[in-house]
Amino acid sequence: MTTHTITTRWDEIPENADDLALVEGHAFRAFRCECGVPLPNRTAAELHASETGQCTACLGSADEEIVPGFVRRCAACAATGRRNVQLVWEVAHGEAEQVITLELVRGLIDGFSGPFRLSEVADQARLALGLPRGRLPVGPRVRDLLRTMEAAGELVMLSAPDEMLRGPSVVLYRDPQWQRVSPSFP
């Protein structure tokens, strides 16, 4: 039986590197599988991981290294490294998008008189929908909707980053806090 352990090696990252390409585009990385199959880029590594039953996000390792030195457990496969678990979570994310709507989140934050945290809104969404913990990725879906509302000018984030991963352009918020923007009157 052939071992399909895919490893990632970081190339040197220039100071002026595009942070979006680094974090989301998986730039400045080289990939290698123990079986010897050529993996010239991230797409080839993901395809090989899929073909060998491994998660295409963490490439079977159960961990994701976002930037050099910062590793987190893989949310795409619930830190199992397996493709079948990843597929179940992808379906759950799709279901979360259908049931956790922008209107639902707007209604939930109307119940807060002042600032609120991501975890508080996620707990309220879970309660409103009668979902047990772990049933759907409630927190990530609520976070995405709160960020959408922030981008539209409905909310302002009050939290400072918990950790700076690559200077001020790549930061980590663990449980950010927002507040509704008061409507301005002419």
N, C-alpha and C. Protein backbone atom coordinates (compact mmCIF):
# COMPACT_ATOMS: atom_id res chain seq x y z
N MET A 1 0.84 -1.18 0.00
CA MET A 1 0.00 0.00 0.00
C MET A 1 0.89 1.24 0.00
N THR A 2 0.57 2.19 -0.83
CA THR A 2 1.34 3.42 -0.94
C THR A 2 0.85 4.45 0.08
N THR A 3 1.80 5.14 0.69
CA THR A 3 1.45 6.21 1.63
C THR A 3 1.27 7.50 0.86
N HIS A 4 0.21 8.21 1.18
CA HIS A 4 -0.08 9.47 0.50
C HIS A 4 -0.07 10.62 1.48
N THR A 5 1.06 10.81 2.13
CA THR A 5 1.21 11.93 3.04
C THR A 5 1.69 13.13 2.23
N ILE A 6 0.83 14.13 2.14
CA ILE A 6 1.17 15.34 1.38
C ILE A 6 1.72 16.37 2.36
N THR A 7 2.90 16.86 2.06
CA THR A 7 3.52 17.88 2.91
C THR A 7 3.61 19.19 2.15
N THR A 8 3.66 20.26 2.92
CA THR A 8 3.75 21.61 2.36
C THR A 8 5.04 22.25 2.86
N ARG A 9 5.75 22.87 1.96
CA ARG A 9 6.96 23.60 2.32
C ARG A 9 6.76 25.05 1.89
N TRP A 10 7.11 25.95 2.79
CA TRP A 10 6.97 27.38 2.48
C TRP A 10 8.17 27.88 1.70
N ASP A 11 7.90 28.62 0.64
CA ASP A 11 8.95 29.35 -0.07
C ASP A 11 9.21 30.64 0.70
N GLU A 12 10.22 31.36 0.32
CA GLU A 12 10.47 32.65 0.97
C GLU A 12 9.36 33.62 0.55
N ILE A 13 8.81 34.31 1.52
CA ILE A 13 7.71 35.24 1.27
C ILE A 13 8.26 36.66 1.26
N PRO A 14 8.15 37.35 0.13
CA PRO A 14 8.66 38.72 0.08
C PRO A 14 7.83 39.65 0.97
N GLU A 15 8.43 40.72 1.44
CA GLU A 15 7.75 41.69 2.30
C GLU A 15 6.49 42.25 1.66
N ASN A 16 6.54 42.50 0.35
CA ASN A 16 5.39 43.11 -0.35
C ASN A 16 4.46 42.06 -0.96
N ALA A 17 4.46 40.85 -0.41
CA ALA A 17 3.61 39.78 -0.95
C ALA A 17 2.14 40.14 -0.82
N ASP A 18 1.37 39.69 -1.77
CA ASP A 18 -0.09 39.88 -1.74
C ASP A 18 -0.65 38.96 -0.66
N ASP A 19 -1.17 39.55 0.42
CA ASP A 19 -1.64 38.75 1.55
C ASP A 19 -2.84 37.90 1.20
N LEU A 20 -3.71 38.37 0.31
CA LEU A 20 -4.86 37.57 -0.11
C LEU A 20 -4.38 36.32 -0.86
N ALA A 21 -3.40 36.49 -1.73
CA ALA A 21 -2.84 35.34 -2.46
C ALA A 21 -2.15 34.38 -1.49
N LEU A 22 -1.53 34.92 -0.47
CA LEU A 22 -0.84 34.09 0.52
C LEU A 22 -1.83 33.27 1.33
N VAL A 23 -2.85 33.92 1.88
CA VAL A 23 -3.78 33.24 2.79
C VAL A 23 -4.81 32.41 2.03
N GLU A 24 -5.48 33.00 1.06
CA GLU A 24 -6.56 32.30 0.37
C GLU A 24 -6.11 31.59 -0.89
N GLY A 25 -5.08 32.09 -1.53
CA GLY A 25 -4.61 31.50 -2.78
C GLY A 25 -3.52 30.48 -2.61
N HIS A 26 -3.07 30.28 -1.36
CA HIS A 26 -2.04 29.29 -1.04
C HIS A 26 -0.75 29.53 -1.81
N ALA A 27 -0.42 30.80 -2.05
CA ALA A 27 0.81 31.14 -2.76
C ALA A 27 2.02 30.93 -1.85
N PHE A 28 3.17 30.88 -2.45
CA PHE A 28 4.47 30.76 -1.75
C PHE A 28 4.60 29.41 -1.03
N ARG A 29 3.99 28.37 -1.59
CA ARG A 29 4.07 27.04 -1.01
C ARG A 29 4.40 26.03 -2.10
N ALA A 30 5.13 25.01 -1.71
CA ALA A 30 5.42 23.88 -2.60
C ALA A 30 4.83 22.63 -1.95
N PHE A 31 4.35 21.70 -2.77
CA PHE A 31 3.66 20.51 -2.27
C PHE A 31 4.38 19.26 -2.73
N ARG A 32 4.36 18.23 -1.86
CA ARG A 32 5.02 16.97 -2.17
C ARG A 32 4.25 15.83 -1.52
N CYS A 33 4.08 14.73 -2.25
CA CYS A 33 3.46 13.53 -1.69
C CYS A 33 4.51 12.44 -1.59
N GLU A 34 4.44 11.65 -0.53
CA GLU A 34 5.39 10.56 -0.32
C GLU A 34 5.37 9.54 -1.44
N CYS A 35 4.24 9.44 -2.15
CA CYS A 35 4.14 8.44 -3.22
C CYS A 35 4.92 8.85 -4.46
N GLY A 36 5.35 10.11 -4.53
CA GLY A 36 6.16 10.57 -5.65
C GLY A 36 5.40 11.20 -6.80
N VAL A 37 4.07 11.27 -6.72
CA VAL A 37 3.28 11.91 -7.78
C VAL A 37 3.67 13.39 -7.82
N PRO A 38 3.92 13.94 -9.02
CA PRO A 38 4.29 15.37 -9.10
C PRO A 38 3.12 16.27 -8.67
N LEU A 39 3.40 17.20 -7.79
CA LEU A 39 2.40 18.16 -7.31
C LEU A 39 2.97 19.57 -7.52
N PRO A 40 2.87 20.08 -8.76
CA PRO A 40 3.50 21.36 -9.07
C PRO A 40 2.81 22.58 -8.44
N ASN A 41 1.54 22.42 -8.01
CA ASN A 41 0.82 23.56 -7.44
C ASN A 41 -0.28 23.07 -6.51
N ARG A 42 -0.99 24.03 -5.92
CA ARG A 42 -2.04 23.69 -4.96
C ARG A 42 -3.16 22.88 -5.61
N THR A 43 -3.53 23.22 -6.83
CA THR A 43 -4.60 22.50 -7.53
C THR A 43 -4.24 21.02 -7.68
N ALA A 44 -3.02 20.73 -8.08
CA ALA A 44 -2.58 19.34 -8.23
C ALA A 44 -2.58 18.63 -6.88
N ALA A 45 -2.18 19.33 -5.82
CA ALA A 45 -2.17 18.74 -4.47
C ALA A 45 -3.60 18.42 -4.02
N GLU A 46 -4.53 19.34 -4.27
CA GLU A 46 -5.93 19.10 -3.90
C GLU A 46 -6.52 17.94 -4.69
N LEU A 47 -6.24 17.86 -5.97
CA LEU A 47 -6.74 16.77 -6.80
C LEU A 47 -6.20 15.43 -6.30
N HIS A 48 -4.91 15.38 -5.98
CA HIS A 48 -4.31 14.14 -5.47
C HIS A 48 -4.91 13.77 -4.11
N ALA A 49 -5.13 14.76 -3.26
CA ALA A 49 -5.75 14.49 -1.96
C ALA A 49 -7.15 13.91 -2.16
N SER A 50 -7.91 14.49 -3.07
CA SER A 50 -9.26 14.01 -3.35
C SER A 50 -9.23 12.57 -3.86
N GLU A 51 -8.32 12.29 -4.78
CA GLU A 51 -8.20 10.95 -5.35
C GLU A 51 -7.81 9.90 -4.32
N THR A 52 -7.12 10.32 -3.27
CA THR A 52 -6.66 9.38 -2.25
C THR A 52 -7.51 9.42 -0.98
N GLY A 53 -8.68 10.08 -1.06
CA GLY A 53 -9.62 10.10 0.07
C GLY A 53 -9.25 11.03 1.19
N GLN A 54 -8.43 12.04 0.90
CA GLN A 54 -8.01 12.99 1.92
C GLN A 54 -8.72 14.32 1.73
N CYS A 55 -8.83 15.07 2.80
CA CYS A 55 -9.44 16.39 2.75
C CYS A 55 -8.65 17.28 1.80
N THR A 56 -9.35 18.01 0.97
CA THR A 56 -8.66 18.88 0.01
C THR A 56 -8.29 20.24 0.61
N ALA A 57 -8.76 20.54 1.81
CA ALA A 57 -8.38 21.79 2.47
C ALA A 57 -7.06 21.64 3.21
N CYS A 58 -6.94 20.60 4.03
CA CYS A 58 -5.72 20.39 4.82
C CYS A 58 -4.79 19.36 4.17
N LEU A 59 -5.20 18.80 3.05
CA LEU A 59 -4.45 17.80 2.30
C LEU A 59 -4.17 16.55 3.13
N GLY A 60 -5.10 16.25 4.05
CA GLY A 60 -5.01 15.03 4.84
C GLY A 60 -4.29 15.17 6.17
N SER A 61 -3.75 16.32 6.47
CA SER A 61 -2.97 16.47 7.71
C SER A 61 -3.82 16.78 8.93
N ALA A 62 -5.06 17.22 8.75
CA ALA A 62 -5.98 17.64 9.81
C ALA A 62 -5.64 19.02 10.35
N ASP A 63 -4.58 19.64 9.87
CA ASP A 63 -4.18 20.98 10.27
C ASP A 63 -3.97 21.85 9.04
N GLU A 64 -4.20 23.15 9.21
CA GLU A 64 -3.93 24.11 8.14
C GLU A 64 -2.95 25.14 8.67
N GLU A 65 -1.88 25.35 7.94
CA GLU A 65 -0.93 26.39 8.30
C GLU A 65 -1.27 27.60 7.44
N ILE A 66 -1.91 28.59 8.05
CA ILE A 66 -2.42 29.75 7.34
C ILE A 66 -1.28 30.62 6.85
N VAL A 67 -0.36 30.92 7.72
CA VAL A 67 0.89 31.62 7.41
C VAL A 67 1.97 30.87 8.17
N PRO A 68 3.23 31.03 7.79
CA PRO A 68 4.28 30.27 8.49
C PRO A 68 4.21 30.50 10.00
N GLY A 69 4.12 29.39 10.72
CA GLY A 69 4.11 29.46 12.17
C GLY A 69 2.73 29.51 12.81
N PHE A 70 1.66 29.73 12.03
CA PHE A 70 0.32 29.74 12.60
C PHE A 70 -0.47 28.57 12.04
N VAL A 71 -0.72 27.59 12.89
CA VAL A 71 -1.42 26.36 12.49
C VAL A 71 -2.74 26.30 13.26
N ARG A 72 -3.80 25.93 12.56
CA ARG A 72 -5.09 25.70 13.23
C ARG A 72 -5.65 24.37 12.73
N ARG A 73 -6.53 23.78 13.53
CA ARG A 73 -7.17 22.54 13.14
C ARG A 73 -8.07 22.80 11.94
N CYS A 74 -8.17 21.86 11.05
CA CYS A 74 -8.93 22.03 9.81
C CYS A 74 -10.43 21.99 10.10
N ALA A 75 -11.10 23.07 9.74
CA ALA A 75 -12.55 23.15 9.92
C ALA A 75 -13.30 22.45 8.80
N ALA A 76 -12.66 22.27 7.65
CA ALA A 76 -13.34 21.67 6.50
C ALA A 76 -13.63 20.18 6.72
N CYS A 77 -12.79 19.49 7.49
CA CYS A 77 -12.97 18.06 7.71
C CYS A 77 -13.10 17.73 9.19
N ALA A 78 -13.36 18.72 10.02
CA ALA A 78 -13.46 18.54 11.48
C ALA A 78 -12.18 17.92 12.03
N ALA A 79 -11.05 18.31 11.46
CA ALA A 79 -9.72 17.86 11.90
C ALA A 79 -9.54 16.34 11.82
N THR A 80 -10.14 15.72 10.80
CA THR A 80 -9.97 14.28 10.61
C THR A 80 -8.99 13.98 9.47
N GLY A 81 -8.86 14.93 8.54
CA GLY A 81 -8.02 14.71 7.38
C GLY A 81 -8.68 13.88 6.29
N ARG A 82 -9.92 13.50 6.47
CA ARG A 82 -10.60 12.60 5.54
C ARG A 82 -11.57 13.33 4.62
N ARG A 83 -11.64 12.91 3.40
CA ARG A 83 -12.49 13.52 2.38
C ARG A 83 -13.98 13.30 2.66
N ASN A 84 -14.37 12.13 3.14
CA ASN A 84 -15.79 11.87 3.37
C ASN A 84 -16.37 12.81 4.43
N VAL A 85 -15.61 13.10 5.48
CA VAL A 85 -16.07 14.04 6.51
C VAL A 85 -16.16 15.45 5.91
N GLN A 86 -15.19 15.80 5.07
CA GLN A 86 -15.21 17.11 4.41
C GLN A 86 -16.47 17.27 3.57
N LEU A 87 -16.87 16.24 2.86
CA LEU A 87 -18.07 16.32 2.02
C LEU A 87 -19.32 16.52 2.88
N VAL A 88 -19.39 15.85 4.02
CA VAL A 88 -20.52 16.03 4.93
C VAL A 88 -20.57 17.47 5.41
N TRP A 89 -19.41 18.04 5.78
CA TRP A 89 -19.36 19.43 6.25
C TRP A 89 -19.72 20.41 5.13
N GLU A 90 -19.34 20.11 3.90
CA GLU A 90 -19.72 20.98 2.78
C GLU A 90 -21.24 21.02 2.61
N VAL A 91 -21.88 19.88 2.77
CA VAL A 91 -23.35 19.83 2.70
C VAL A 91 -23.94 20.63 3.86
N ALA A 92 -23.35 20.49 5.05
CA ALA A 92 -23.83 21.22 6.22
C ALA A 92 -23.67 22.73 6.03
N HIS A 93 -22.58 23.15 5.41
CA HIS A 93 -22.40 24.58 5.12
C HIS A 93 -23.48 25.07 4.16
N GLY A 94 -23.80 24.27 3.17
CA GLY A 94 -24.87 24.63 2.23
C GLY A 94 -26.22 24.73 2.92
N GLU A 95 -26.48 23.81 3.83
CA GLU A 95 -27.72 23.85 4.57
C GLU A 95 -27.76 25.08 5.48
N ALA A 96 -26.64 25.40 6.11
CA ALA A 96 -26.57 26.59 6.98
C ALA A 96 -26.86 27.85 6.18
N GLU A 97 -26.37 27.93 4.95
CA GLU A 97 -26.65 29.09 4.10
C GLU A 97 -28.14 29.22 3.81
N GLN A 98 -28.85 28.10 3.75
CA GLN A 98 -30.28 28.14 3.47
C GLN A 98 -31.11 28.55 4.68
N VAL A 99 -30.74 28.10 5.88
CA VAL A 99 -31.57 28.35 7.05
C VAL A 99 -31.13 29.55 7.89
N ILE A 100 -29.85 29.90 7.83
CA ILE A 100 -29.36 31.06 8.59
C ILE A 100 -29.24 32.21 7.60
N THR A 101 -30.29 32.99 7.53
CA THR A 101 -30.39 34.05 6.53
C THR A 101 -30.00 35.39 7.12
N LEU A 102 -29.79 36.34 6.23
CA LEU A 102 -29.48 37.71 6.65
C LEU A 102 -30.64 38.27 7.46
N GLU A 103 -31.86 37.98 7.06
CA GLU A 103 -33.03 38.47 7.79
C GLU A 103 -33.07 37.91 9.20
N LEU A 104 -32.74 36.62 9.35
CA LEU A 104 -32.71 36.00 10.68
C LEU A 104 -31.68 36.69 11.57
N VAL A 105 -30.48 36.90 11.05
CA VAL A 105 -29.42 37.53 11.84
C VAL A 105 -29.78 38.97 12.18
N ARG A 106 -30.35 39.71 11.23
CA ARG A 106 -30.80 41.08 11.52
C ARG A 106 -31.81 41.09 12.67
N GLY A 107 -32.75 40.16 12.63
CA GLY A 107 -33.75 40.06 13.69
C GLY A 107 -33.12 39.73 15.04
N LEU A 108 -32.12 38.86 15.02
CA LEU A 108 -31.46 38.48 16.27
C LEU A 108 -30.69 39.65 16.87
N ILE A 109 -29.98 40.42 16.04
CA ILE A 109 -29.20 41.52 16.62
C ILE A 109 -30.08 42.68 17.04
N ASP A 110 -31.31 42.72 16.53
CA ASP A 110 -32.26 43.73 17.02
C ASP A 110 -32.56 43.53 18.51
N GLY A 111 -32.37 42.31 18.99
CA GLY A 111 -32.61 42.01 20.40
C GLY A 111 -31.51 42.49 21.33
N PHE A 112 -30.40 42.94 20.78
CA PHE A 112 -29.30 43.46 21.60
C PHE A 112 -29.38 44.97 21.65
N SER A 113 -29.36 45.53 22.86
CA SER A 113 -29.47 46.99 22.98
C SER A 113 -28.13 47.69 22.76
N GLY A 114 -27.05 46.97 22.89
CA GLY A 114 -25.73 47.57 22.72
C GLY A 114 -24.84 46.64 21.90
N PRO A 115 -23.54 46.68 22.16
CA PRO A 115 -22.61 45.80 21.43
C PRO A 115 -22.92 44.33 21.68
N PHE A 116 -22.55 43.50 20.73
CA PHE A 116 -22.78 42.06 20.83
C PHE A 116 -21.59 41.33 20.23
N ARG A 117 -21.38 40.12 20.69
CA ARG A 117 -20.28 39.28 20.22
C ARG A 117 -20.79 38.24 19.21
N LEU A 118 -19.90 37.79 18.38
CA LEU A 118 -20.21 36.73 17.42
C LEU A 118 -20.82 35.53 18.12
N SER A 119 -20.21 35.09 19.22
CA SER A 119 -20.71 33.91 19.92
C SER A 119 -22.13 34.10 20.44
N GLU A 120 -22.47 35.32 20.85
CA GLU A 120 -23.82 35.58 21.36
C GLU A 120 -24.86 35.46 20.25
N VAL A 121 -24.55 36.00 19.08
CA VAL A 121 -25.48 35.92 17.96
C VAL A 121 -25.59 34.48 17.46
N ALA A 122 -24.46 33.77 17.41
CA ALA A 122 -24.48 32.37 16.98
C ALA A 122 -25.31 31.53 17.94
N ASP A 123 -25.17 31.77 19.26
CA ASP A 123 -25.97 31.03 20.24
C ASP A 123 -27.46 31.33 20.05
N GLN A 124 -27.78 32.59 19.78
CA GLN A 124 -29.19 32.96 19.56
C GLN A 124 -29.74 32.31 18.29
N ALA A 125 -28.92 32.24 17.24
CA ALA A 125 -29.35 31.59 16.00
C ALA A 125 -29.60 30.11 16.23
N ARG A 126 -28.68 29.47 16.95
CA ARG A 126 -28.83 28.04 17.25
C ARG A 126 -30.12 27.80 18.05
N LEU A 127 -30.38 28.67 19.03
CA LEU A 127 -31.57 28.55 19.85
C LEU A 127 -32.84 28.79 19.02
N ALA A 128 -32.82 29.85 18.19
CA ALA A 128 -33.99 30.19 17.37
C ALA A 128 -34.35 29.07 16.40
N LEU A 129 -33.35 28.37 15.91
CA LEU A 129 -33.59 27.29 14.94
C LEU A 129 -33.70 25.92 15.60
N GLY A 130 -33.49 25.86 16.91
CA GLY A 130 -33.56 24.59 17.62
C GLY A 130 -32.48 23.61 17.22
N LEU A 131 -31.28 24.12 16.95
CA LEU A 131 -30.18 23.27 16.49
C LEU A 131 -29.28 22.86 17.65
N PRO A 132 -28.95 21.58 17.75
CA PRO A 132 -27.97 21.18 18.75
C PRO A 132 -26.57 21.61 18.30
N ARG A 133 -25.65 21.76 19.26
CA ARG A 133 -24.26 22.11 18.91
C ARG A 133 -23.69 21.07 17.96
N GLY A 134 -22.98 21.54 16.94
CA GLY A 134 -22.35 20.65 15.98
C GLY A 134 -23.24 20.20 14.84
N ARG A 135 -24.52 20.55 14.87
CA ARG A 135 -25.44 20.13 13.81
C ARG A 135 -25.12 20.84 12.49
N LEU A 136 -24.89 22.14 12.56
CA LEU A 136 -24.53 22.95 11.40
C LEU A 136 -23.41 23.91 11.81
N PRO A 137 -22.62 24.38 10.86
CA PRO A 137 -21.59 25.37 11.18
C PRO A 137 -22.22 26.75 11.38
N VAL A 138 -22.87 26.92 12.52
CA VAL A 138 -23.61 28.15 12.80
C VAL A 138 -22.68 29.34 12.94
N GLY A 139 -21.62 29.20 13.74
CA GLY A 139 -20.70 30.31 13.97
C GLY A 139 -20.10 30.88 12.68
N PRO A 140 -19.53 30.03 11.82
CA PRO A 140 -18.97 30.56 10.57
C PRO A 140 -20.01 31.25 9.68
N ARG A 141 -21.21 30.70 9.62
CA ARG A 141 -22.26 31.33 8.80
C ARG A 141 -22.68 32.68 9.37
N VAL A 142 -22.87 32.74 10.69
CA VAL A 142 -23.24 34.01 11.33
C VAL A 142 -22.12 35.03 11.14
N ARG A 143 -20.87 34.60 11.30
CA ARG A 143 -19.73 35.49 11.10
C ARG A 143 -19.75 36.08 9.69
N ASP A 144 -19.97 35.25 8.69
CA ASP A 144 -20.00 35.73 7.31
C ASP A 144 -21.11 36.77 7.11
N LEU A 145 -22.26 36.54 7.71
CA LEU A 145 -23.37 37.49 7.57
C LEU A 145 -23.09 38.79 8.32
N LEU A 146 -22.49 38.70 9.50
CA LEU A 146 -22.13 39.92 10.23
C LEU A 146 -21.09 40.73 9.46
N ARG A 147 -20.15 40.05 8.82
CA ARG A 147 -19.14 40.76 8.01
C ARG A 147 -19.79 41.40 6.78
N THR A 148 -20.80 40.74 6.22
CA THR A 148 -21.55 41.31 5.10
C THR A 148 -22.26 42.58 5.54
N MET A 149 -22.88 42.53 6.72
CA MET A 149 -23.57 43.70 7.25
C MET A 149 -22.58 44.82 7.57
N GLU A 150 -21.41 44.44 8.05
CA GLU A 150 -20.36 45.43 8.32
C GLU A 150 -19.92 46.11 7.02
N ALA A 151 -19.72 45.32 5.99
CA ALA A 151 -19.30 45.87 4.69
C ALA A 151 -20.36 46.79 4.10
N ALA A 152 -21.63 46.52 4.42
CA ALA A 152 -22.72 47.35 3.91
C ALA A 152 -22.93 48.60 4.75
N GLY A 153 -22.19 48.73 5.85
CA GLY A 153 -22.30 49.91 6.69
C GLY A 153 -23.36 49.81 7.77
N GLU A 154 -23.95 48.64 7.96
CA GLU A 154 -24.98 48.46 8.99
C GLU A 154 -24.38 48.26 10.37
N LEU A 155 -23.17 47.71 10.42
CA LEU A 155 -22.50 47.41 11.68
C LEU A 155 -21.09 47.98 11.66
N VAL A 156 -20.55 48.17 12.84
CA VAL A 156 -19.14 48.54 12.96
C VAL A 156 -18.50 47.57 13.95
N MET A 157 -17.32 47.06 13.61
CA MET A 157 -16.63 46.14 14.50
C MET A 157 -15.92 46.95 15.57
N LEU A 158 -16.08 46.55 16.82
CA LEU A 158 -15.47 47.24 17.94
C LEU A 158 -14.20 46.56 18.43
N SER A 159 -13.98 45.33 18.03
CA SER A 159 -12.86 44.54 18.54
C SER A 159 -11.56 44.85 17.83
N ALA A 160 -10.51 44.81 18.62
CA ALA A 160 -9.16 44.83 18.05
C ALA A 160 -8.79 43.38 17.75
N PRO A 161 -7.90 43.15 16.80
CA PRO A 161 -7.50 41.76 16.51
C PRO A 161 -6.90 41.09 17.74
N ASP A 162 -7.16 39.80 17.89
CA ASP A 162 -6.57 39.03 18.98
C ASP A 162 -5.12 38.67 18.67
N GLU A 163 -4.83 38.56 17.37
CA GLU A 163 -3.48 38.18 16.98
C GLU A 163 -3.19 38.73 15.58
N MET A 164 -1.99 39.23 15.41
CA MET A 164 -1.55 39.69 14.09
C MET A 164 -0.65 38.59 13.52
N LEU A 165 -1.10 37.97 12.43
CA LEU A 165 -0.38 36.84 11.85
C LEU A 165 0.67 37.27 10.85
N ARG A 166 0.42 38.39 10.20
CA ARG A 166 1.37 38.91 9.21
C ARG A 166 1.19 40.42 9.19
N GLY A 167 1.57 41.06 10.27
CA GLY A 167 1.38 42.49 10.37
C GLY A 167 -0.10 42.82 10.44
N PRO A 168 -0.45 44.06 10.14
CA PRO A 168 -1.85 44.47 10.26
C PRO A 168 -2.76 43.96 9.14
N SER A 169 -2.21 43.33 8.11
CA SER A 169 -3.05 42.92 6.98
C SER A 169 -3.63 41.50 7.13
N VAL A 170 -3.03 40.65 7.94
CA VAL A 170 -3.56 39.31 8.19
C VAL A 170 -3.68 39.17 9.70
N VAL A 171 -4.93 39.25 10.16
CA VAL A 171 -5.18 39.25 11.61
C VAL A 171 -6.19 38.17 11.97
N LEU A 172 -6.26 37.85 13.27
CA LEU A 172 -7.16 36.83 13.77
C LEU A 172 -8.06 37.44 14.84
N TYR A 173 -9.36 37.26 14.66
CA TYR A 173 -10.35 37.64 15.67
C TYR A 173 -10.96 36.36 16.20
N ARG A 174 -10.94 36.15 17.51
CA ARG A 174 -11.51 34.92 18.06
C ARG A 174 -13.01 35.04 18.32
N ASP A 175 -13.44 36.11 18.95
CA ASP A 175 -14.86 36.33 19.22
C ASP A 175 -15.13 37.83 19.10
N PRO A 176 -15.15 38.34 17.86
CA PRO A 176 -15.26 39.79 17.67
C PRO A 176 -16.59 40.36 18.16
N GLN A 177 -16.54 41.65 18.43
CA GLN A 177 -17.70 42.37 18.92
C GLN A 177 -18.09 43.44 17.90
N TRP A 178 -19.40 43.58 17.67
CA TRP A 178 -19.94 44.58 16.75
C TRP A 178 -20.97 45.44 17.45
N GLN A 179 -21.33 46.49 16.77
CA GLN A 179 -22.43 47.34 17.22
C GLN A 179 -23.15 47.86 15.99
N ARG A 180 -24.48 48.01 16.12
CA ARG A 180 -25.25 48.56 15.01
C ARG A 180 -24.87 50.02 14.82
N VAL A 181 -24.88 50.46 13.58
CA VAL A 181 -24.61 51.86 13.25
C VAL A 181 -25.94 52.60 13.36
N SER A 182 -25.93 53.68 14.07
CA SER A 182 -27.15 54.48 14.19
C SER A 182 -27.43 55.14 12.87
N PRO A 183 -28.70 55.14 12.44
CA PRO A 183 -29.03 55.82 11.18
C PRO A 183 -28.79 57.32 11.34
N SER A 184 -28.23 57.90 10.31
CA SER A 184 -27.99 59.35 10.37
C SER A 184 -29.21 60.06 9.80
N PHE A 185 -29.53 61.18 10.44
CA PHE A 185 -30.68 61.95 10.01
C PHE A 185 -30.21 63.27 9.44
N PRO A 186 -30.81 63.72 8.31
CA PRO A 186 -30.35 64.97 7.69
C PRO A 186 -30.71 66.19 8.52
